[in-house]
Structure formats: C-alpha cells, structure tokens
Protein backbone atom coordinates (compact mmCIF):
# COMPACT_ATOMS: atom_id res chain seq x y z
CA UNK A 1 -5.21 88.70 -17.59
CA UNK A 2 -6.75 91.93 -18.96
CA UNK A 3 -4.39 94.88 -19.20
CA UNK A 4 -4.35 96.90 -15.99
CA UNK A 5 -5.93 100.33 -16.52
CA UNK A 6 -3.95 103.50 -15.87
CA UNK A 7 -5.57 105.45 -13.04
CA UNK A 8 -4.81 109.11 -12.51
CA UNK A 9 -4.83 109.73 -8.74
CA UNK A 10 -4.85 113.37 -7.67
CA UNK A 11 -2.64 114.58 -4.85
CA UNK A 12 -5.38 116.47 -3.02
CA UNK A 13 -4.55 119.46 -0.84
CA UNK A 14 -0.86 118.96 0.05
CA UNK A 15 -1.39 120.46 3.51
CA UNK A 16 -3.79 117.62 4.33
CA UNK A 17 -3.59 113.84 4.43
CA UNK A 18 -3.85 113.26 0.67
CA UNK A 19 -0.13 112.74 -0.01
CA UNK A 20 0.19 110.44 3.02
CA UNK A 21 -2.67 108.12 2.09
CA UNK A 22 -1.53 108.18 -1.55
CA UNK A 23 1.90 106.84 -0.57
CA UNK A 24 0.35 104.18 1.66
CA UNK A 25 -2.05 103.10 -1.09
CA UNK A 26 -0.18 103.40 -4.36
CA UNK A 27 2.79 101.34 -3.19
CA UNK A 28 0.46 98.56 -2.01
CA UNK A 29 1.15 95.40 -4.09
CA UNK A 30 -2.57 94.56 -4.16
CA UNK A 31 -3.38 97.93 -5.72
CA UNK A 32 -0.51 97.60 -8.19
CA UNK A 33 -1.95 94.25 -9.20
CA UNK A 34 -5.23 95.75 -10.43
CA UNK A 35 -4.10 99.04 -11.98
CA UNK A 36 -1.17 101.21 -13.01
CA UNK A 37 -1.45 104.24 -10.71
CA UNK A 38 -0.16 107.65 -11.73
CA UNK A 39 -0.09 110.24 -8.95
CA UNK A 40 -0.84 113.68 -10.37
CA UNK A 41 0.55 116.57 -8.36
CA UNK A 42 3.90 117.75 -7.02
CA UNK A 43 6.88 115.39 -6.83
CA UNK A 44 8.44 117.34 -3.95
CA UNK A 45 5.33 116.98 -1.81
CA UNK A 46 5.24 113.25 -2.49
CA UNK A 47 8.93 112.82 -1.59
CA UNK A 48 8.30 114.62 1.68
CA UNK A 49 5.25 112.48 2.44
CA UNK A 50 7.13 109.23 1.76
CA UNK A 51 10.34 110.19 3.57
CA UNK A 52 9.14 112.31 6.50
CA UNK A 53 5.57 111.18 7.21
CA UNK A 54 5.12 107.56 6.15
CA UNK A 55 8.88 106.95 6.52
CA UNK A 56 9.05 104.43 3.73
CA UNK A 57 11.85 103.87 1.28
CA UNK A 58 10.63 104.31 -2.28
CA UNK A 59 11.64 105.95 -5.52
CA UNK A 60 9.67 108.95 -6.74
CA UNK A 61 9.72 108.79 -10.53
CA UNK A 62 8.86 112.32 -11.63
CA UNK A 63 7.47 112.28 -15.18
CA UNK A 64 6.04 114.81 -17.60
CA UNK A 65 3.84 112.35 -19.49
CA UNK A 66 2.07 109.03 -19.15
CA UNK A 67 4.52 107.34 -21.49
CA UNK A 68 7.35 107.84 -18.96
CA UNK A 69 5.74 105.72 -16.26
CA UNK A 70 7.90 102.84 -15.00
CA UNK A 71 5.19 100.92 -13.17
CA UNK A 72 7.71 99.13 -10.96
CA UNK A 73 7.40 97.81 -7.39
CA UNK A 74 8.70 100.30 -4.87
CA UNK A 75 8.39 103.16 -7.36
CA UNK A 76 5.76 105.88 -7.27
CA UNK A 77 5.16 107.40 -10.69
CA UNK A 78 4.31 111.10 -10.26
CA UNK A 79 3.18 113.38 -13.07
CA UNK A 80 5.04 116.37 -11.68
CA UNK A 81 3.19 119.66 -12.09
CA UNK A 82 5.89 121.44 -10.03
CA UNK A 83 3.07 123.43 -8.48
CA UNK A 84 4.40 124.04 -4.95
CA UNK A 85 7.05 126.08 -3.20
CA UNK A 86 7.82 123.57 -0.46
CA UNK A 87 9.18 126.27 1.85
CA UNK A 88 6.04 128.38 1.79
CA UNK A 89 3.29 126.16 3.14
CA UNK A 90 2.69 124.31 6.37
CA UNK A 91 0.87 121.05 7.00
CA UNK A 92 -2.56 121.49 8.51
CA UNK A 93 -3.03 125.10 7.39
CA UNK A 94 -5.27 126.59 4.74
CA UNK A 95 -3.39 128.37 1.96
CA UNK A 96 -4.08 129.66 -1.52
CA UNK A 97 -0.95 127.94 -2.82
CA UNK A 98 -2.21 124.54 -1.71
CA UNK A 99 -5.68 125.26 -3.07
CA UNK A 100 -4.19 126.08 -6.47
CA UNK A 101 -2.00 122.97 -6.43
CA UNK A 102 -4.99 120.78 -5.63
CA UNK A 103 -7.02 122.36 -8.43
CA UNK A 104 -4.27 121.93 -11.01
CA UNK A 105 -3.96 118.27 -10.06
CA UNK A 106 -7.67 117.71 -10.67
CA UNK A 107 -7.69 119.70 -13.90
CA UNK A 108 -4.76 117.68 -15.27
CA UNK A 109 -6.43 114.39 -14.36
CA UNK A 110 -9.58 115.45 -16.22
CA UNK A 111 -7.53 116.56 -19.23
CA UNK A 112 -5.73 113.20 -19.42
CA UNK A 113 -8.98 111.25 -19.03
CA UNK A 114 -10.77 113.22 -21.73
CA UNK A 115 -7.79 112.61 -24.04
CA UNK A 116 -7.95 108.87 -23.36
CA UNK A 117 -4.45 108.77 -21.88
CA UNK A 118 -5.72 107.40 -18.57
CA UNK A 119 -8.75 105.18 -18.09
CA UNK A 120 -10.14 106.61 -14.85
CA UNK A 121 -9.55 109.30 -12.25
CA UNK A 122 -9.48 109.00 -8.46
CA UNK A 123 -9.46 112.10 -6.27
CA UNK A 124 -7.92 112.77 -2.90
CA UNK A 125 -9.54 115.42 -0.66
CA UNK A 126 -9.18 119.13 -1.31
CA UNK A 127 -10.01 122.01 0.99
CA UNK A 128 -12.82 124.22 -0.31
CA UNK A 129 -11.62 127.31 1.56
CA UNK A 130 -8.12 126.94 0.09
CA UNK A 131 -9.61 126.33 -3.35
CA UNK A 132 -11.57 129.58 -3.18
CA UNK A 133 -8.61 131.52 -1.75
CA UNK A 134 -6.78 130.50 -4.93
CA UNK A 135 -9.52 132.10 -6.99
CA UNK A 136 -11.01 128.76 -8.03
CA UNK A 137 -14.62 129.38 -7.07
CA UNK A 138 -16.07 125.89 -7.01
CA UNK A 139 -18.09 124.21 -4.29
CA UNK A 140 -16.04 121.00 -4.62
CA UNK A 141 -14.74 118.25 -6.86
CA UNK A 142 -18.13 117.45 -8.37
CA UNK A 143 -18.56 120.99 -9.63
CA UNK A 144 -15.01 121.12 -11.01
CA UNK A 145 -15.60 117.94 -12.99
CA UNK A 146 -18.93 119.19 -14.30
CA UNK A 147 -17.41 122.49 -15.40
CA UNK A 148 -14.29 121.08 -17.05
CA UNK A 149 -16.09 118.22 -18.81
CA UNK A 150 -19.20 120.17 -19.80
CA UNK A 151 -21.47 117.73 -17.98
CA UNK A 152 -24.97 119.07 -17.32
CA UNK A 153 -26.78 116.10 -15.80
CA UNK A 154 -24.69 114.65 -12.98
CA UNK A 155 -25.11 113.42 -9.41
CA UNK A 156 -23.12 112.22 -6.42
CA UNK A 157 -23.34 108.52 -5.53
CA UNK A 158 -21.96 107.34 -2.18
CA UNK A 159 -21.28 103.67 -1.59
CA UNK A 160 -20.35 101.98 1.66
CA UNK A 161 -20.29 98.39 2.78
CA UNK A 162 -23.94 98.47 3.79
CA UNK A 163 -25.60 101.46 2.18
CA UNK A 164 -25.78 103.30 -1.15
CA UNK A 165 -27.04 106.88 -1.47
CA UNK A 166 -27.45 109.27 -4.40
CA UNK A 167 -28.11 112.98 -3.87
CA UNK A 168 -30.58 115.34 -5.52
CA UNK A 169 -28.58 118.35 -4.24
CA UNK A 170 -25.12 118.53 -2.71
CA UNK A 171 -22.95 121.56 -1.98
CA UNK A 172 -25.55 124.25 -1.47
CA UNK A 173 -26.79 126.04 1.68
CA UNK A 174 -29.74 124.29 3.32
CA UNK A 175 -31.96 127.34 2.77
CA UNK A 176 -31.49 126.85 -1.00
CA UNK A 177 -32.34 123.15 -1.10
CA UNK A 178 -36.15 123.43 -1.51
CA UNK A 179 -35.71 125.77 -4.47
CA UNK A 180 -33.28 123.36 -6.15
CA UNK A 181 -35.65 120.43 -5.90
CA UNK A 182 -37.67 120.15 -9.08
CA UNK A 183 -39.53 117.18 -10.49
CA UNK A 184 -37.17 117.18 -13.46
CA UNK A 185 -34.05 117.18 -11.28
CA UNK A 186 -35.27 114.39 -9.01
CA UNK A 187 -36.35 112.29 -11.99
CA UNK A 188 -32.93 112.78 -13.61
CA UNK A 189 -31.20 111.63 -10.41
CA UNK A 190 -33.48 108.59 -10.20
CA UNK A 191 -32.53 107.62 -13.74
CA UNK A 192 -28.81 108.14 -13.13
CA UNK A 193 -28.94 106.05 -9.97
CA UNK A 194 -31.00 103.27 -11.55
CA UNK A 195 -28.61 103.03 -14.51
CA UNK A 196 -25.60 102.92 -12.17
CA UNK A 197 -27.09 100.12 -10.09
CA UNK A 198 -27.63 98.11 -13.28
CA UNK A 199 -23.96 98.58 -14.15
CA UNK A 200 -23.18 97.26 -10.70
CA UNK A 201 -24.97 94.03 -11.48
CA UNK A 202 -28.49 94.61 -10.13
CA UNK A 203 -31.02 93.45 -12.74
CA UNK A 204 -33.95 95.43 -11.29
CA UNK A 205 -32.71 97.97 -8.74
CA UNK A 206 -35.08 99.01 -5.96
CA UNK A 207 -34.89 102.76 -5.35
CA UNK A 208 -36.50 104.74 -2.55
CA UNK A 209 -36.88 108.50 -2.19
CA UNK A 210 -36.32 110.17 1.17
CA UNK A 211 -38.69 112.98 2.01
CA UNK A 212 -37.35 116.48 2.53
CA UNK A 213 -39.47 117.38 5.54
CA UNK A 214 -40.05 115.66 8.91
CA UNK A 215 -42.34 112.65 8.48
CA UNK A 216 -42.09 113.25 4.71
CA UNK A 217 -44.34 116.27 5.17
CA UNK A 218 -47.16 114.43 7.02
CA UNK A 219 -49.61 114.98 4.13
CA UNK A 220 -48.72 118.64 3.86
CA UNK A 221 -48.69 119.45 7.57
CA UNK A 222 -44.92 120.05 7.65
CA UNK A 223 -44.35 121.05 4.03
CA UNK A 224 -45.66 120.39 0.53
CA UNK A 225 -42.49 119.40 -1.36
CA UNK A 226 -43.39 115.72 -1.05
CA UNK A 227 -46.86 116.30 -2.52
CA UNK A 228 -45.95 118.75 -5.25
CA UNK A 229 -42.42 117.70 -6.32
CA UNK A 230 -40.93 114.51 -4.88
CA UNK A 231 -44.03 112.32 -5.10
CA UNK A 232 -44.81 113.26 -8.73
CA UNK A 233 -41.20 112.51 -9.71
CA UNK A 234 -41.48 109.04 -8.14
CA UNK A 235 -44.81 108.46 -9.90
CA UNK A 236 -43.35 109.42 -13.28
CA UNK A 237 -40.40 107.07 -12.71
CA UNK A 238 -42.79 104.22 -11.87
CA UNK A 239 -44.83 104.98 -14.99
CA UNK A 240 -41.61 104.54 -16.93
CA UNK A 241 -41.13 101.04 -15.53
CA UNK A 242 -38.68 101.75 -12.71
CA UNK A 243 -38.98 100.24 -9.23
CA UNK A 244 -39.27 103.40 -7.15
CA UNK A 245 -40.85 103.84 -3.71
CA UNK A 246 -41.53 106.98 -1.73
CA UNK A 247 -41.11 109.56 -0.59
CA UNK A 248 -40.73 107.95 2.84
CA UNK A 249 -39.88 109.68 6.14
CA UNK A 250 -36.14 110.41 6.14
CA UNK A 251 -35.72 109.26 9.74
CA UNK A 252 -36.63 105.64 8.85
CA UNK A 253 -35.83 105.24 5.15
CA UNK A 254 -32.13 104.53 5.71
CA UNK A 255 -32.86 101.86 8.31
CA UNK A 256 -35.15 100.14 5.81
CA UNK A 257 -32.46 100.26 3.11
CA UNK A 258 -29.94 98.89 5.60
CA UNK A 259 -32.34 96.06 6.37
CA UNK A 260 -32.50 95.03 2.71
CA UNK A 261 -35.74 96.65 1.55
CA UNK A 262 -34.04 98.92 -1.02
CA UNK A 263 -30.84 99.02 -3.09
CA UNK A 264 -30.41 102.78 -3.33
CA UNK A 265 -31.69 105.77 -1.36
CA UNK A 266 -32.27 109.07 -3.15
CA UNK A 267 -31.41 111.77 -0.58
CA UNK A 268 -32.68 115.30 -1.01
CA UNK A 269 -29.61 117.11 0.33
CA UNK A 270 -25.96 116.61 1.25
CA UNK A 271 -26.08 115.84 4.96
CA UNK A 272 -29.27 113.81 4.73
CA UNK A 273 -27.32 111.22 2.73
CA UNK A 274 -23.81 111.68 4.09
CA UNK A 275 -24.57 111.34 7.79
CA UNK A 276 -26.06 107.82 7.74
CA UNK A 277 -23.46 106.51 5.29
CA UNK A 278 -20.54 107.88 7.29
CA UNK A 279 -22.06 106.68 10.56
CA UNK A 280 -22.00 103.16 9.14
CA UNK A 281 -18.71 103.35 7.23
CA UNK A 282 -16.41 105.44 9.44
CA UNK A 283 -15.05 104.43 12.84
CA UNK A 284 -13.40 106.95 15.17
CA UNK A 285 -11.21 106.00 18.13
CA UNK A 286 -11.30 108.84 20.68
CA UNK A 287 -8.46 107.40 22.77
CA UNK A 288 -6.14 107.31 19.79
CA UNK A 289 -7.61 110.48 18.26
CA UNK A 290 -7.67 108.69 14.92
CA UNK A 291 -10.04 107.12 12.43
CA UNK A 292 -9.70 103.36 12.67
CA UNK A 293 -11.71 102.78 9.50
CA UNK A 294 -13.02 104.79 6.54
CA UNK A 295 -14.76 102.75 3.87
CA UNK A 296 -16.99 105.13 1.95
CA UNK A 297 -16.43 105.95 -1.71
CA UNK A 298 -17.86 108.78 -3.81
CA UNK A 299 -18.61 108.22 -7.52
CA UNK A 300 -19.80 111.05 -9.76
CA UNK A 301 -22.43 109.85 -12.23
CA UNK A 302 -23.22 111.49 -15.55
CA UNK A 303 -19.64 112.47 -16.49
CA UNK A 304 -17.84 111.54 -19.73
CA UNK A 305 -14.96 110.22 -17.58
CA UNK A 306 -14.80 107.86 -14.60
CA UNK A 307 -14.37 109.61 -11.29
CA UNK A 308 -14.21 107.89 -7.92
CA UNK A 309 -13.12 109.59 -4.73
CA UNK A 310 -12.43 109.18 -1.06
CA UNK A 311 -15.44 110.11 1.01
CA UNK A 312 -13.64 112.19 3.63
CA UNK A 313 -11.93 115.53 3.94
CA UNK A 314 -8.38 116.81 4.21
CA UNK A 315 -8.21 116.10 7.98
CA UNK A 316 -5.80 118.97 8.64
CA UNK A 317 -5.69 118.00 12.32
CA UNK A 318 -4.16 114.63 11.35
CA UNK A 319 -1.76 115.88 8.67
CA UNK A 320 1.85 114.85 9.14
CA UNK A 321 1.16 112.41 11.99
CA UNK A 322 1.20 109.16 9.98
CA UNK A 323 -2.20 108.26 11.42
CA UNK A 324 -4.35 108.74 8.31
CA UNK A 325 -6.37 105.69 7.31
CA UNK A 326 -6.11 104.88 3.56
CA UNK A 327 -9.08 102.50 3.32
CA UNK A 328 -11.41 104.93 1.57
CA UNK A 329 -8.77 105.58 -1.10
CA UNK A 330 -8.16 101.85 -1.47
CA UNK A 331 -11.89 101.27 -1.98
CA UNK A 332 -12.14 104.16 -4.46
CA UNK A 333 -9.24 102.83 -6.53
CA UNK A 334 -10.73 99.35 -6.61
CA UNK A 335 -14.06 100.73 -7.80
CA UNK A 336 -12.42 102.90 -10.44
CA UNK A 337 -10.19 100.08 -11.68
CA UNK A 338 -13.10 97.70 -12.05
CA UNK A 339 -15.26 100.32 -13.77
CA UNK A 340 -12.40 101.12 -16.15
CA UNK A 341 -12.04 97.42 -16.90
CA UNK A 342 -15.77 97.12 -17.65
CA UNK A 343 -16.19 94.78 -14.70
CA UNK A 344 -18.18 96.91 -12.22
CA UNK A 345 -17.63 96.35 -8.50
CA UNK A 346 -20.32 94.82 -6.36
CA UNK A 347 -21.51 97.84 -4.35
CA UNK A 348 -22.42 95.56 -1.44
CA UNK A 349 -18.74 94.65 -1.05
CA UNK A 350 -16.16 96.62 0.84
CA UNK A 351 -12.50 96.97 -0.16
CA UNK A 352 -11.66 93.56 1.32
CA UNK A 353 -14.38 91.84 -0.71
CA UNK A 354 -16.62 90.96 2.26
CA UNK A 355 -20.36 91.17 1.75
CA UNK A 356 -21.89 94.21 3.34
CA UNK A 357 -25.14 92.41 4.11
C-alpha cells in the first residue's frame, strides 16, 4: 500500500469543539488507516478534551517535531506549542488567549507544510472575534493561509454529499460584495474551480454562475452586475473552451445543480453559497439540541499547500458537552489524505463513500 501521508490537524479554538472532535476523529482506526495524523496545538488542552469531555483512555504523545511521532493505536501525537494557560480560559467563551493559540496552531501547520514535513493540513474551527482580540486581524482561515503562503489567486470550495460550490467573495460585508466582483476575479474563480473538478475526476466539468441580484438582474431591472461583469466573465470562459453557463437566478441555480444539471456552482458571496450547502449537509435535532450530522468540507484552492477544513464553527454553546459531531472533520481528513496521495476524492461521495446523487 502507498505510504500514509502525514496530516497536520490544527486544534482550532480550544474554547470550542475543536479539541473534542479531534480526539473523536484522530483515534478512529479508519482514519489512522489512511493517514498519520499530527495534532498541532496544546497538549494540555488535548489531555483535558480526552479525559474530561470525550472520556476516553488514550496516551497524549507530546512532541516537538514530526520525527518524534509514534503513530500507534490509542496514542494521539500532539505537536505541543505550549500555547495555553489552562487555568485562565473557560470553555464556550471568547478570549484573546484562545484566539492566539488557534492562530499559532494554523501558522505552525502552514510552516510544516511549506517545508515539506507534512503532506497536507486540516483545520478545526477558530473564532474570528477571539482571533482579532489576539491582534491577529484576519477575516478567517482562508485569509491566514493566503497571507502566510503568499498566495494571490485563491478561492473557497465547499463540497457536500450532493452539492459543490466555489465562491467569488467570502468574508466581506455584503455592502462590499458588488465592488469586489470584477470580470477578472470571477474568471479566475471559474478557472480554479474547473481545474479542481478535473482533479476530482470530472473530464469536462459543467460550471454555472449564480447571479448576484434577484432574478439575475432581470435584464438590468434589478441591477447591472450580471450584464456588465458576471455575464462577460462567463462568455470569456466559454471562449476559452470551458463549459460555463449563466448567470442564472440564484433562487433556482442550486436546485438545478442538485438535480444533476451542473457539477459546480460559482456563488457570488459567502452566504449565497453556504446556505444551500449547509441546508443539505447539516442536520439539527432540536429535541437533543445537537447536530446529528455535519458533512460539509471546505477546501482552499490556489494555495501552494493542501488545506481542507471542517465547514462549521466553534459551536461554543456545545463545548464541553460531548455532543459535537465529528463527521465534517472526518470528511475533511479523507479529502486531504486522498489529495496528498494524488488520488483525489470523488466529490459526489460523502465520508462513508455513498454516492451523493
């Protein structure tokens, strides 16, 4: 069998559910069978998560370098950054200390990946308020990766069991979105998405652009972005030989993709793409006050390193309750491991391998 890649998995914000789902996932024999996971963060936080939250017996092997990993069943290898004072933070609460710890975990993962010491990175959720309280003024993971790797042309790809979405803009206020949409930016995102779908085994990917405005502008009645920016970008992509449709009305384009008409939707802003994917991929049980399933995964395209991520937040309200669902992290690790092994995952498959449609 091919050598299992080493995956650097960040701790996430330690006041959230990241440490809990990391313990549940990284000790899973199935996950250990496809990769050698290295948790990057604070060994004390991981001991607390294993002992007091998940209540599982395991050994925390605190290491200072990749070469000290044991990679043994029942052992969690942790690259210990010693970045927390365990007596000075509380689960479920925003703090600068936790924001700094989460940032340092991500920065170390990127450093190791750029140096070739790990083959891919997988990120657990961080809290943007805590990150900024720590003086790390980034809008999120994507922007941290872009800054620390020097990437200029990057985009967020979300994959679920039944839908794939790439975003032209992400973590910006809605009022700024129209100004961020240029023909050049949309064309770059189209090309990134098309190349990614080819890596995922689609010989001729079918892309569709969502409009920005209601009814995709209704021929200029509700806005001219479709006429002046989005449409010309689609036309230029088609002239270059790509299979691109749109812009189509955003209230129906996702249903058409779900029905099999398209392989990838290009969304114009964060919530336009996130809401339909999470509606399909996440399941919430109100009686249990818990998420019964979370299957989305976030992959950043255009980076010099592999980065896959859970597609949910820190869930401070669930922290410490042993209710956090690890499925999104499981899916992200499987995608990252297969990408690192040059055997891309089928984006129409969920973490259990079932066809999405």
